[in-house]
C-alpha atoms as a PDB file:
ATOM      1  CA  MET A   1      15.461  31.001  25.117  1.00  0.00           C
ATOM      2  CA  ALA A   2      17.078  31.612  21.870  1.00  0.00           C
ATOM      3  CA  GLU A   3      20.199  29.643  23.480  1.00  0.00           C
ATOM      4  CA  GLY A   4      17.617  26.589  24.192  1.00  0.00           C
ATOM      5  CA  HIS A   5      16.716  26.912  20.406  1.00  0.00           C
ATOM      6  CA  THR A   6      20.396  26.876  19.223  1.00  0.00           C
ATOM      7  CA  ASP A   7      21.045  23.781  21.453  1.00  0.00           C
ATOM      8  CA  HIS A   8      17.925  22.036  19.946  1.00  0.00           C
ATOM      9  CA  ASP A   9      19.144  22.843  16.308  1.00  0.00           C
ATOM     10  CA  HIS A  10      22.558  21.411  17.137  1.00  0.00           C
ATOM     11  CA  ALA A  11      21.073  18.183  18.675  1.00  0.00           C
ATOM     12  CA  ALA A  12      18.747  17.890  15.591  1.00  0.00           C
ATOM     13  CA  HIS A  13      21.480  18.052  13.344  1.00  0.00           C
ATOM     14  CA  ASP A  14      23.821  15.685  15.147  1.00  0.00           C
ATOM     15  CA  HIS A  15      20.731  13.213  15.031  1.00  0.00           C
ATOM     16  CA  ALA A  16      20.483  13.804  11.411  1.00  0.00           C
ATOM     17  CA  ALA A  17      24.149  13.067  10.968  1.00  0.00           C
ATOM     18  CA  LYS A  18      24.059  10.005  12.662  1.00  0.00           C
ATOM     19  CA  LEU A  19      20.957   8.698  10.956  1.00  0.00           C
ATOM     20  CA  ALA A  20      22.620   9.980   7.497  1.00  0.00           C
ATOM     21  CA  GLU A  21      25.519   7.732   7.923  1.00  0.00           C
ATOM     22  CA  PHE A  22      23.433   4.669   8.978  1.00  0.00           C
ATOM     23  CA  LEU A  23      21.353   4.939   5.794  1.00  0.00           C
ATOM     24  CA  ASP A  24      24.752   5.431   3.867  1.00  0.00           C
ATOM     25  CA  ARG A  25      25.673   2.339   5.012  1.00  0.00           C
ATOM     26  CA  HIS A  26      22.264   0.366   4.544  1.00  0.00           C
ATOM     27  CA  PRO A  27      20.499   1.771   1.470  1.00  0.00           C
ATOM     28  CA  ARG A  28      18.118  -1.050   1.211  1.00  0.00           C
ATOM     29  CA  ALA A  29      17.013  -0.345   4.797  1.00  0.00           C
ATOM     30  CA  LEU A  30      13.252  -1.184   5.402  1.00  0.00           C
ATOM     31  CA  VAL A  31      11.290   1.708   6.776  1.00  0.00           C
ATOM     32  CA  LEU A  32       8.630   0.818   9.234  1.00  0.00           C
ATOM     33  CA  THR A  33       6.378   3.678  10.048  1.00  0.00           C
ATOM     34  CA  GLY A  34       3.839   4.312  12.942  1.00  0.00           C
ATOM     35  CA  ALA A  35       1.053   6.711  14.067  1.00  0.00           C
ATOM     36  CA  GLY A  36       3.882   9.432  15.505  1.00  0.00           C
ATOM     37  CA  LEU A  37       4.714  10.085  12.014  1.00  0.00           C
ATOM     38  CA  SER A  38       1.240  11.429  11.173  1.00  0.00           C
ATOM     39  CA  THR A  39       0.921  13.629  14.394  1.00  0.00           C
ATOM     40  CA  ALA A  40       2.284  16.536  12.612  1.00  0.00           C
ATOM     41  CA  SER A  41      -0.354  16.030   9.912  1.00  0.00           C
ATOM     42  CA  GLY A  42      -3.153  16.827  12.571  1.00  0.00           C
ATOM     43  CA  ILE A  43      -3.827  13.193  13.290  1.00  0.00           C
ATOM     44  CA  PRO A  44      -3.862  12.155  16.908  1.00  0.00           C
ATOM     45  CA  ASP A  45      -1.624   9.393  18.168  1.00  0.00           C
ATOM     46  CA  TYR A  46      -2.752   6.109  19.871  1.00  0.00           C
ATOM     47  CA  ARG A  47      -0.067   6.202  22.810  1.00  0.00           C
ATOM     48  CA  ASP A  48       1.741   8.408  25.375  1.00  0.00           C
ATOM     49  CA  ARG A  49       5.302   8.474  25.667  1.00  0.00           C
ATOM     50  CA  ASP A  50       5.577   5.561  27.788  1.00  0.00           C
ATOM     51  CA  GLY A  51       3.647   3.576  25.229  1.00  0.00           C
ATOM     52  CA  ALA A  52       0.566   3.428  27.052  1.00  0.00           C
ATOM     53  CA  ARG A  53      -2.723   3.364  24.957  1.00  0.00           C
ATOM     54  CA  ARG A  54      -4.894   6.817  25.617  1.00  0.00           C
ATOM     55  CA  GLY A  55      -8.703   6.498  25.827  1.00  0.00           C
ATOM     56  CA  ARG A  56     -11.324   3.618  25.782  1.00  0.00           C
ATOM     57  CA  PRO A  57     -10.545   0.378  24.461  1.00  0.00           C
ATOM     58  CA  PRO A  58     -10.774  -0.149  20.513  1.00  0.00           C
ATOM     59  CA  ILE A  59     -13.425  -1.846  18.664  1.00  0.00           C
ATOM     60  CA  HIS A  60     -12.218  -5.580  17.864  1.00  0.00           C
ATOM     61  CA  GLY A  61     -13.163  -6.973  14.512  1.00  0.00           C
ATOM     62  CA  PRO A  62     -15.010  -9.841  15.675  1.00  0.00           C
ATOM     63  CA  ASP A  63     -17.280  -7.759  17.540  1.00  0.00           C
ATOM     64  CA  PHE A  64     -17.986  -5.477  14.734  1.00  0.00           C
ATOM     65  CA  ARG A  65     -18.966  -8.135  12.558  1.00  0.00           C
ATOM     66  CA  LYS A  66     -21.237  -9.775  15.092  1.00  0.00           C
ATOM     67  CA  TYR A  67     -22.825  -7.126  16.824  1.00  0.00           C
ATOM     68  CA  GLU A  68     -25.171  -4.194  15.204  1.00  0.00           C
ATOM     69  CA  HIS A  69     -24.604  -1.939  18.162  1.00  0.00           C
ATOM     70  CA  VAL A  70     -20.748  -2.211  17.803  1.00  0.00           C
ATOM     71  CA  GLN A  71     -21.271  -1.169  13.997  1.00  0.00           C
ATOM     72  CA  LYS A  72     -23.314   1.773  15.182  1.00  0.00           C
ATOM     73  CA  ARG A  73     -20.685   2.877  17.626  1.00  0.00           C
ATOM     74  CA  TYR A  74     -18.008   2.374  15.070  1.00  0.00           C
ATOM     75  CA  TRP A  75     -19.966   4.420  12.345  1.00  0.00           C
ATOM     76  CA  ALA A  76     -21.358   7.194  14.333  1.00  0.00           C
ATOM     77  CA  ARG A  77     -17.835   8.120  15.692  1.00  0.00           C
ATOM     78  CA  SER A  78     -16.432   7.745  12.367  1.00  0.00           C
ATOM     79  CA  MET A  79     -18.869  10.053  10.519  1.00  0.00           C
ATOM     80  CA  ILE A  80     -17.690  12.686  13.033  1.00  0.00           C
ATOM     81  CA  GLY A  81     -14.070  11.859  13.235  1.00  0.00           C
ATOM     82  CA  TRP A  82     -13.303  11.003   9.640  1.00  0.00           C
ATOM     83  CA  PRO A  83     -13.408  14.716   8.249  1.00  0.00           C
ATOM     84  CA  VAL A  84     -10.346  15.722  10.072  1.00  0.00           C
ATOM     85  CA  LEU A  85      -8.436  12.545   8.751  1.00  0.00           C
ATOM     86  CA  SER A  86      -9.606  13.351   5.150  1.00  0.00           C
ATOM     87  CA  ARG A  87      -8.217  16.820   5.360  1.00  0.00           C
ATOM     88  CA  ALA A  88      -4.798  15.486   6.499  1.00  0.00           C
ATOM     89  CA  ARG A  89      -1.976  16.200   4.362  1.00  0.00           C
ATOM     90  CA  PRO A  90       1.617  14.676   4.346  1.00  0.00           C
ATOM     91  CA  ASN A  91       4.178  16.457   6.653  1.00  0.00           C
ATOM     92  CA  ASP A  92       7.798  17.111   6.153  1.00  0.00           C
ATOM     93  CA  GLY A  93       8.421  13.439   7.536  1.00  0.00           C
ATOM     94  CA  HIS A  94       6.509  11.813   4.864  1.00  0.00           C
ATOM     95  CA  ARG A  95       8.128  13.899   2.069  1.00  0.00           C
ATOM     96  CA  ALA A  96      11.426  13.114   3.287  1.00  0.00           C
ATOM     97  CA  ILE A  97      10.722   9.270   3.229  1.00  0.00           C
ATOM     98  CA  ALA A  98       9.536   9.686  -0.325  1.00  0.00           C
ATOM     99  CA  ALA A  99      12.779  11.826  -1.142  1.00  0.00           C
ATOM    100  CA  LEU A 100      14.821   8.881   0.365  1.00  0.00           C
ATOM    101  CA  GLU A 101      13.072   6.539  -1.746  1.00  0.00           C
ATOM    102  CA  LYS A 102      13.590   8.427  -4.972  1.00  0.00           C
ATOM    103  CA  ILE A 103      17.572   9.100  -4.274  1.00  0.00           C
ATOM    104  CA  GLY A 104      17.883   5.347  -3.484  1.00  0.00           C
ATOM    105  CA  ARG A 105      18.774   5.604   0.252  1.00  0.00           C
ATOM    106  CA  ILE A 106      16.106   3.292   1.524  1.00  0.00           C
ATOM    107  CA  GLY A 107      14.590   0.100   0.122  1.00  0.00           C
ATOM    108  CA  SER A 108      10.687   0.080   0.837  1.00  0.00           C
ATOM    109  CA  VAL A 109       7.959   1.446   3.310  1.00  0.00           C
ATOM    110  CA  LEU A 110       5.802  -0.703   5.540  1.00  0.00           C
ATOM    111  CA  THR A 111       3.505   1.165   7.341  1.00  0.00           C
ATOM    112  CA  GLN A 112       1.312   0.502  10.203  1.00  0.00           C
ATOM    113  CA  ASN A 113      -0.713   3.833   9.502  1.00  0.00           C
ATOM    114  CA  VAL A 114      -3.928   3.486   7.611  1.00  0.00           C
ATOM    115  CA  ASP A 115      -4.203   7.246   6.564  1.00  0.00           C
ATOM    116  CA  GLY A 116      -2.714   7.026   2.996  1.00  0.00           C
ATOM    117  CA  LEU A 117      -0.412   9.801   3.678  1.00  0.00           C
ATOM    118  CA  HIS A 118       2.812   8.189   2.223  1.00  0.00           C
ATOM    119  CA  GLY A 119       1.293   7.665  -1.123  1.00  0.00           C
ATOM    120  CA  GLN A 120       0.025  11.341  -1.073  1.00  0.00           C
ATOM    121  CA  ALA A 121       3.643  12.432  -0.426  1.00  0.00           C
ATOM    122  CA  GLY A 122       5.037  10.520  -3.451  1.00  0.00           C
ATOM    123  CA  SER A 123       6.345   7.351  -2.021  1.00  0.00           C
ATOM    124  CA  HIS A 124       5.929   4.335  -4.352  1.00  0.00           C
ATOM    125  CA  SER A 125       7.263   1.249  -2.607  1.00  0.00           C
ATOM    126  CA  VAL A 126       4.634   1.381   0.288  1.00  0.00           C
ATOM    127  CA  LEU A 127       2.886  -1.751   1.755  1.00  0.00           C
ATOM    128  CA  GLU A 128      -0.150  -0.679   4.054  1.00  0.00           C
ATOM    129  CA  LEU A 129       0.359  -3.348   6.522  1.00  0.00           C
ATOM    130  CA  HIS A 130      -3.354  -2.525   8.212  1.00  0.00           C
ATOM    131  CA  GLY A 131      -5.052  -1.471   5.110  1.00  0.00           C
ATOM    132  CA  ASN A 132      -6.275   2.089   4.272  1.00  0.00           C
ATOM    133  CA  ILE A 133      -9.081   4.141   6.101  1.00  0.00           C
ATOM    134  CA  HIS A 134     -10.193   5.680   2.988  1.00  0.00           C
ATOM    135  CA  SER A 135     -11.393   2.617   1.669  1.00  0.00           C
ATOM    136  CA  VAL A 136     -14.725   0.480   2.705  1.00  0.00           C
ATOM    137  CA  VAL A 137     -15.828  -3.001   1.865  1.00  0.00           C
ATOM    138  CA  CYS A 138     -18.821  -4.974   2.069  1.00  0.00           C
ATOM    139  CA  LEU A 139     -18.830  -7.765   4.096  1.00  0.00           C
ATOM    140  CA  ASP A 140     -21.347  -9.743   1.924  1.00  0.00           C
ATOM    141  CA  CYS A 141     -20.422  -9.115  -1.411  1.00  0.00           C
ATOM    142  CA  SER A 142     -16.921  -7.747  -1.175  1.00  0.00           C
ATOM    143  CA  ALA A 143     -17.686  -4.549  -3.078  1.00  0.00           C
ATOM    144  CA  LEU A 144     -15.065  -1.657  -2.286  1.00  0.00           C
ATOM    145  CA  PHE A 145     -16.289   1.751  -1.856  1.00  0.00           C
ATOM    146  CA  PRO A 146     -14.412   5.167  -1.037  1.00  0.00           C
ATOM    147  CA  ARG A 147     -14.841   6.149   2.242  1.00  0.00           C
ATOM    148  CA  ALA A 148     -16.066   9.658   0.868  1.00  0.00           C
ATOM    149  CA  PHE A 149     -19.048   7.917  -0.751  1.00  0.00           C
ATOM    150  CA  VAL A 150     -20.092   6.416   2.427  1.00  0.00           C
ATOM    151  CA  GLN A 151     -19.438   9.802   4.441  1.00  0.00           C
ATOM    152  CA  GLY A 152     -22.368  10.944   2.097  1.00  0.00           C
ATOM    153  CA  GLN A 153     -24.570   7.967   2.900  1.00  0.00           C
ATOM    154  CA  LEU A 154     -24.090   8.703   6.702  1.00  0.00           C
ATOM    155  CA  ALA A 155     -24.931  12.460   6.241  1.00  0.00           C
ATOM    156  CA  ASP A 156     -28.015  11.804   4.356  1.00  0.00           C
ATOM    157  CA  ALA A 157     -29.271   9.154   6.830  1.00  0.00           C
ATOM    158  CA  ASN A 158     -28.083  11.059  10.126  1.00  0.00           C
ATOM    159  CA  PRO A 159     -28.667  14.689   9.572  1.00  0.00           C
ATOM    160  CA  HIS A 160     -29.085  14.891  13.340  1.00  0.00           C
ATOM    161  CA  MET A 161     -25.364  14.095  14.013  1.00  0.00           C
ATOM    162  CA  LEU A 162     -23.705  16.728  11.606  1.00  0.00           C
ATOM    163  CA  GLN A 163     -23.697  19.381  14.343  1.00  0.00           C
ATOM    164  CA  LEU A 164     -22.143  17.161  16.991  1.00  0.00           C
ATOM    165  CA  ASP A 165     -18.962  18.537  18.178  1.00  0.00           C
ATOM    166  CA  ALA A 166     -16.624  15.748  19.383  1.00  0.00           C
ATOM    167  CA  THR A 167     -12.850  15.541  20.099  1.00  0.00           C
ATOM    168  CA  PRO A 168     -11.011  13.637  17.192  1.00  0.00           C
ATOM    169  CA  LEU A 169      -9.456  10.601  17.942  1.00  0.00           C
ATOM    170  CA  PRO A 170      -6.914   8.407  15.993  1.00  0.00           C
ATOM    171  CA  ASP A 171      -7.565   7.097  12.589  1.00  0.00           C
ATOM    172  CA  GLY A 172     -10.842   9.018  11.837  1.00  0.00           C
ATOM    173  CA  ASP A 173     -12.477   8.200  15.082  1.00  0.00           C
ATOM    174  CA  ALA A 174     -14.206  10.581  17.533  1.00  0.00           C
ATOM    175  CA  SER A 175     -15.544  10.732  20.949  1.00  0.00           C
ATOM    176  CA  VAL A 176     -19.562  10.253  20.755  1.00  0.00           C
ATOM    177  CA  GLU A 177     -21.647   9.368  23.807  1.00  0.00           C
ATOM    178  CA  PRO A 178     -23.693   6.361  23.577  1.00  0.00           C
ATOM    179  CA  ALA A 179     -26.889   8.304  23.949  1.00  0.00           C
ATOM    180  CA  GLU A 180     -26.390   9.564  20.508  1.00  0.00           C
ATOM    181  CA  LEU A 181     -26.561   6.443  19.011  1.00  0.00           C
ATOM    182  CA  ALA A 182     -30.290   5.388  19.571  1.00  0.00           C
ATOM    183  CA  GLU A 183     -31.451   6.992  16.360  1.00  0.00           C
ATOM    184  CA  PHE A 184     -28.120   6.221  14.373  1.00  0.00           C
ATOM    185  CA  ARG A 185     -28.896   4.503  10.911  1.00  0.00           C
ATOM    186  CA  LEU A 186     -26.155   2.603   9.488  1.00  0.00           C
ATOM    187  CA  PRO A 187     -24.613   2.618   5.941  1.00  0.00           C
ATOM    188  CA  HIS A 188     -25.264  -0.233   3.649  1.00  0.00           C
ATOM    189  CA  CYS A 189     -23.945  -1.505   0.606  1.00  0.00           C
ATOM    190  CA  VAL A 190     -25.617  -0.115  -2.661  1.00  0.00           C
ATOM    191  CA  CYS A 191     -24.869  -3.253  -4.567  1.00  0.00           C
ATOM    192  CA  CYS A 192     -26.430  -5.951  -2.160  1.00  0.00           C
ATOM    193  CA  ALA A 193     -27.573  -3.999   1.126  1.00  0.00           C
ATOM    194  CA  GLY A 194     -24.861  -5.748   2.987  1.00  0.00           C
ATOM    195  CA  THR A 195     -22.958  -4.835   5.751  1.00  0.00           C
ATOM    196  CA  LEU A 196     -20.111  -2.088   5.452  1.00  0.00           C
ATOM    197  CA  MET A 197     -16.719  -2.171   7.465  1.00  0.00           C
ATOM    198  CA  PRO A 198     -13.716   0.006   6.784  1.00  0.00           C
ATOM    199  CA  ASN A 199     -11.031  -1.933   4.809  1.00  0.00           C
ATOM    200  CA  VAL A 200      -8.737  -1.875   7.628  1.00  0.00           C
ATOM    201  CA  VAL A 201      -7.173  -4.511  10.030  1.00  0.00           C
ATOM    202  CA  PHE A 202      -9.089  -4.118  13.305  1.00  0.00           C
ATOM    203  CA  PHE A 203      -7.835  -4.976  16.736  1.00  0.00           C
ATOM    204  CA  GLY A 204      -8.442  -8.676  17.193  1.00  0.00           C
ATOM    205  CA  ASP A 205      -8.093  -9.253  13.509  1.00  0.00           C
ATOM    206  CA  ASN A 206      -5.056 -10.787  11.696  1.00  0.00           C
ATOM    207  CA  VAL A 207      -3.181  -9.223   8.825  1.00  0.00           C
ATOM    208  CA  PRO A 208      -4.085 -10.969   5.616  1.00  0.00           C
ATOM    209  CA  PRO A 209      -1.505 -13.686   4.984  1.00  0.00           C
ATOM    210  CA  ALA A 210      -0.586 -12.469   1.354  1.00  0.00           C
ATOM    211  CA  ARG A 211       0.191  -9.195   2.883  1.00  0.00           C
ATOM    212  CA  THR A 212       2.380 -10.631   5.570  1.00  0.00           C
ATOM    213  CA  ALA A 213       4.271 -12.711   3.195  1.00  0.00           C
ATOM    214  CA  ILE A 214       5.218  -9.568   1.405  1.00  0.00           C
ATOM    215  CA  ALA A 215       6.145  -7.876   4.279  1.00  0.00           C
ATOM    216  CA  LEU A 216       8.231 -10.516   5.776  1.00  0.00           C
ATOM    217  CA  ASP A 217       9.684 -10.938   2.161  1.00  0.00           C
ATOM    218  CA  GLN A 218      10.462  -7.034   2.356  1.00  0.00           C
ATOM    219  CA  MET A 219      12.465  -7.577   5.670  1.00  0.00           C
ATOM    220  CA  GLU A 220      14.403 -10.540   4.332  1.00  0.00           C
ATOM    221  CA  ARG A 221      15.645  -8.361   1.290  1.00  0.00           C
ATOM    222  CA  ALA A 222      16.453  -5.274   3.391  1.00  0.00           C
ATOM    223  CA  ASP A 223      20.030  -4.401   4.931  1.00  0.00           C
ATOM    224  CA  ALA A 224      18.632  -2.853   7.979  1.00  0.00           C
ATOM    225  CA  LEU A 225      15.342  -1.580   9.674  1.00  0.00           C
ATOM    226  CA  LEU A 226      14.552   1.981  10.358  1.00  0.00           C
ATOM    227  CA  VAL A 227      11.612   2.587  12.618  1.00  0.00           C
ATOM    228  CA  VAL A 228       9.845   6.197  12.352  1.00  0.00           C
ATOM    229  CA  GLY A 229       7.248   7.088  14.652  1.00  0.00           C
ATOM    230  CA  SER A 230       5.971   3.856  16.240  1.00  0.00           C
ATOM    231  CA  SER A 231       6.181   2.400  19.995  1.00  0.00           C
ATOM    232  CA  LEU A 232       6.095  -1.063  18.482  1.00  0.00           C
ATOM    233  CA  MET A 233       3.805  -2.154  21.101  1.00  0.00           C
ATOM    234  CA  VAL A 234       1.530  -4.006  18.577  1.00  0.00           C
ATOM    235  CA  TYR A 235       3.297  -7.129  17.550  1.00  0.00           C
ATOM    236  CA  SER A 236       2.368  -6.936  13.962  1.00  0.00           C
ATOM    237  CA  GLY A 237       5.185  -4.097  14.085  1.00  0.00           C
ATOM    238  CA  PHE A 238       7.471  -5.456  16.845  1.00  0.00           C
ATOM    239  CA  ARG A 239       7.978  -8.547  14.798  1.00  0.00           C
ATOM    240  CA  PHE A 240      10.107  -6.984  12.496  1.00  0.00           C
ATOM    241  CA  CYS A 241      12.411  -5.896  15.070  1.00  0.00           C
ATOM    242  CA  ARG A 242      12.719  -9.450  16.056  1.00  0.00           C
ATOM    243  CA  MET A 243      13.308 -10.345  12.564  1.00  0.00           C
ATOM    244  CA  ALA A 244      16.142  -7.859  12.046  1.00  0.00           C
ATOM    245  CA  GLN A 245      17.814  -8.738  15.379  1.00  0.00           C
ATOM    246  CA  ALA A 246      17.772 -12.531  14.594  1.00  0.00           C
ATOM    247  CA  SER A 247      19.467 -12.067  11.122  1.00  0.00           C
ATOM    248  CA  GLY A 248      22.054  -9.552  12.355  1.00  0.00           C
ATOM    249  CA  LYS A 249      20.525  -6.400  10.838  1.00  0.00           C
ATOM    250  CA  PRO A 250      21.209  -3.178  12.656  1.00  0.00           C
ATOM    251  CA  ILE A 251      17.857  -1.416  13.669  1.00  0.00           C
ATOM    252  CA  ALA A 252      17.429   2.611  14.088  1.00  0.00           C
ATOM    253  CA  ALA A 253      14.437   4.269  15.590  1.00  0.00           C
ATOM    254  CA  ILE A 254      13.198   7.794  15.639  1.00  0.00           C
ATOM    255  CA  ASN A 255      10.479   8.171  18.220  1.00  0.00           C
ATOM    256  CA  LEU A 256       9.402  10.421  20.891  1.00  0.00           C
ATOM    257  CA  GLY A 257       9.271   8.072  23.941  1.00  0.00           C
ATOM    258  CA  ARG A 258       9.820   4.455  24.702  1.00  0.00           C
ATOM    259  CA  THR A 259       9.517   1.628  22.260  1.00  0.00           C
ATOM    260  CA  ARG A 260       8.937  -2.058  23.062  1.00  0.00           C
ATOM    261  CA  ALA A 261      12.282  -2.769  21.031  1.00  0.00           C
ATOM    262  CA  ASP A 262      14.384  -0.113  23.069  1.00  0.00           C
ATOM    263  CA  ASP A 263      16.688  -3.141  23.825  1.00  0.00           C
ATOM    264  CA  LEU A 264      17.130  -4.300  20.411  1.00  0.00           C
ATOM    265  CA  LEU A 265      18.084  -0.658  18.828  1.00  0.00           C
ATOM    266  CA  ASP A 266      21.383   0.200  17.556  1.00  0.00           C
ATOM    267  CA  ILE A 267      20.469   3.858  17.224  1.00  0.00           C
ATOM    268  CA  LYS A 268      17.570   5.627  19.184  1.00  0.00           C
ATOM    269  CA  ILE A 269      16.772   9.067  18.372  1.00  0.00           C
ATOM    270  CA  GLU A 270      13.917  10.876  20.478  1.00  0.00           C
ATOM    271  CA  GLU A 271      13.187  13.479  18.321  1.00  0.00           C
ATOM    272  CA  SER A 272      10.179  14.433  15.979  1.00  0.00           C
ATOM    273  CA  SER A 273      10.646  12.707  12.517  1.00  0.00           C
ATOM    274  CA  GLU A 274       9.532  15.920  10.643  1.00  0.00           C
ATOM    275  CA  ARG A 275      12.345  17.715  11.939  1.00  0.00           C
ATOM    276  CA  VAL A 276      15.118  15.103  11.599  1.00  0.00           C
ATOM    277  CA  LEU A 277      14.123  13.425   8.355  1.00  0.00           C
ATOM    278  CA  PRO A 278      14.732  16.394   6.063  1.00  0.00           C
ATOM    279  CA  LEU A 279      17.920  17.202   7.595  1.00  0.00           C
ATOM    280  CA  VAL A 280      18.793  13.507   6.696  1.00  0.00           C
ATOM    281  CA  VAL A 281      17.906  14.039   3.097  1.00  0.00           C
ATOM    282  CA  GLU A 282      19.946  17.280   3.121  1.00  0.00           C
ATOM    283  CA  ARG A 283      23.232  15.644   4.186  1.00  0.00           C
ATOM    284  CA  LEU A 284      22.765  12.768   1.757  1.00  0.00           C
ATOM    285  CA  GLU A 285      22.434  15.057  -1.009  1.00  0.00           C
ATOM    286  CA  ARG A 286      25.301  17.131  -0.230  1.00  0.00           C
ATOM    287  CA  ALA A 287      27.475  13.967   0.290  1.00  0.00           C
ATOM    288  CA  ASP A 288      26.460  12.665  -3.259  1.00  0.00           C
ATOM    289  CA  PRO A 289      25.842  15.727  -5.480  1.00  0.00           C
ATOM    290  CA  GLU A 290      25.818  13.902  -8.653  1.00  0.00           C
ATOM    291  CA  ARG A 291      22.896  11.996  -8.006  1.00  0.00           C
ATOM    292  CA  VAL A 292      19.837  13.124  -9.807  1.00  0.00           C
ATOM    293  CA  THR A 293      17.582  14.142  -6.935  1.00  0.00           C
ATOM    294  CA  PRO A 294      13.972  15.594  -6.706  1.00  0.00           C
ATOM    295  CA  THR A 295      13.421  19.062  -4.863  1.00  0.00           C
ATOM    296  CA  ILE A 296      11.217  18.404  -1.868  1.00  0.00           C
ATOM    297  CA  GLN A 297       8.442  20.899  -0.907  1.00  0.00           C
ATOM    298  CA  LEU A 298       8.629  21.564   2.752  1.00  0.00           C
ATOM    299  CA  ASP A 299       5.942  23.255   5.003  1.00  0.00           C
ATOM    300  CA  GLY A 300       8.712  25.827   5.164  1.00  0.00           C
ATOM    301  CA  GLY A 301      10.029  26.261   1.838  1.00  0.00           C
ATOM    302  CA  THR A 302      12.103  23.866  -0.221  1.00  0.00           C
ATOM    303  CA  LEU A 303      14.918  21.764   0.430  1.00  0.00           C
END
């Protein structure tokens, strides 16, 4: 057993060496992150290692806006599942990406995640492609509210839901049976009594044009693409691999399992990002000790 662990350690260091060389050659790389980065923070992933989606079909934005029963399904499940997401904290992968930004070894971060963990970890140049689950918007008057405030509304209006035991699902969702929704009361905007919706891009909706324009500009300015924890099955992420390939920019990926862009990758590392990325930071700092670099506080100590 000990020998297996040693082999695994050697493999992780080999992967880190390869990725450190990649970032040393391409210090303006755009980092595109997905749900796999946040699993070590206790947030479930959407897909298995073959890229197949787990569980029941997701709620679609057009249906949410049109049907009250869809809104009830979303908010009931979110009421039970959101506390898990709200307690999530950045893991070593998030902190390593923030450190790479601070030492000038990457360009910017483009995340498909809505959990806000990059900001908590200290990254500054972050674009949340699909929004942030910790924000709620009124569809009628456009007022914005913290998700924690809406959780209080939900708890006050639906005390019978507080004791339900449900399995957490990705992005603050939870498995709640339809029978539980008959008496469920929706939250409403305290400004105009309008319909509340999480301030994220639902399936079936498009990323806002202004946000897309910024993301495309980031890819244009980058000298490479590094994918972390994404199967790239959703086109809003995969398109950046297509762009990188079309402009001759190399692509590296750290992902446990298949990605939609496997045939486009120059480097593919099947390893957990929270294990490899801190080793990458360590190697780059050792290679250039004169840089002023931060100390990264990792789960197991400092780096």
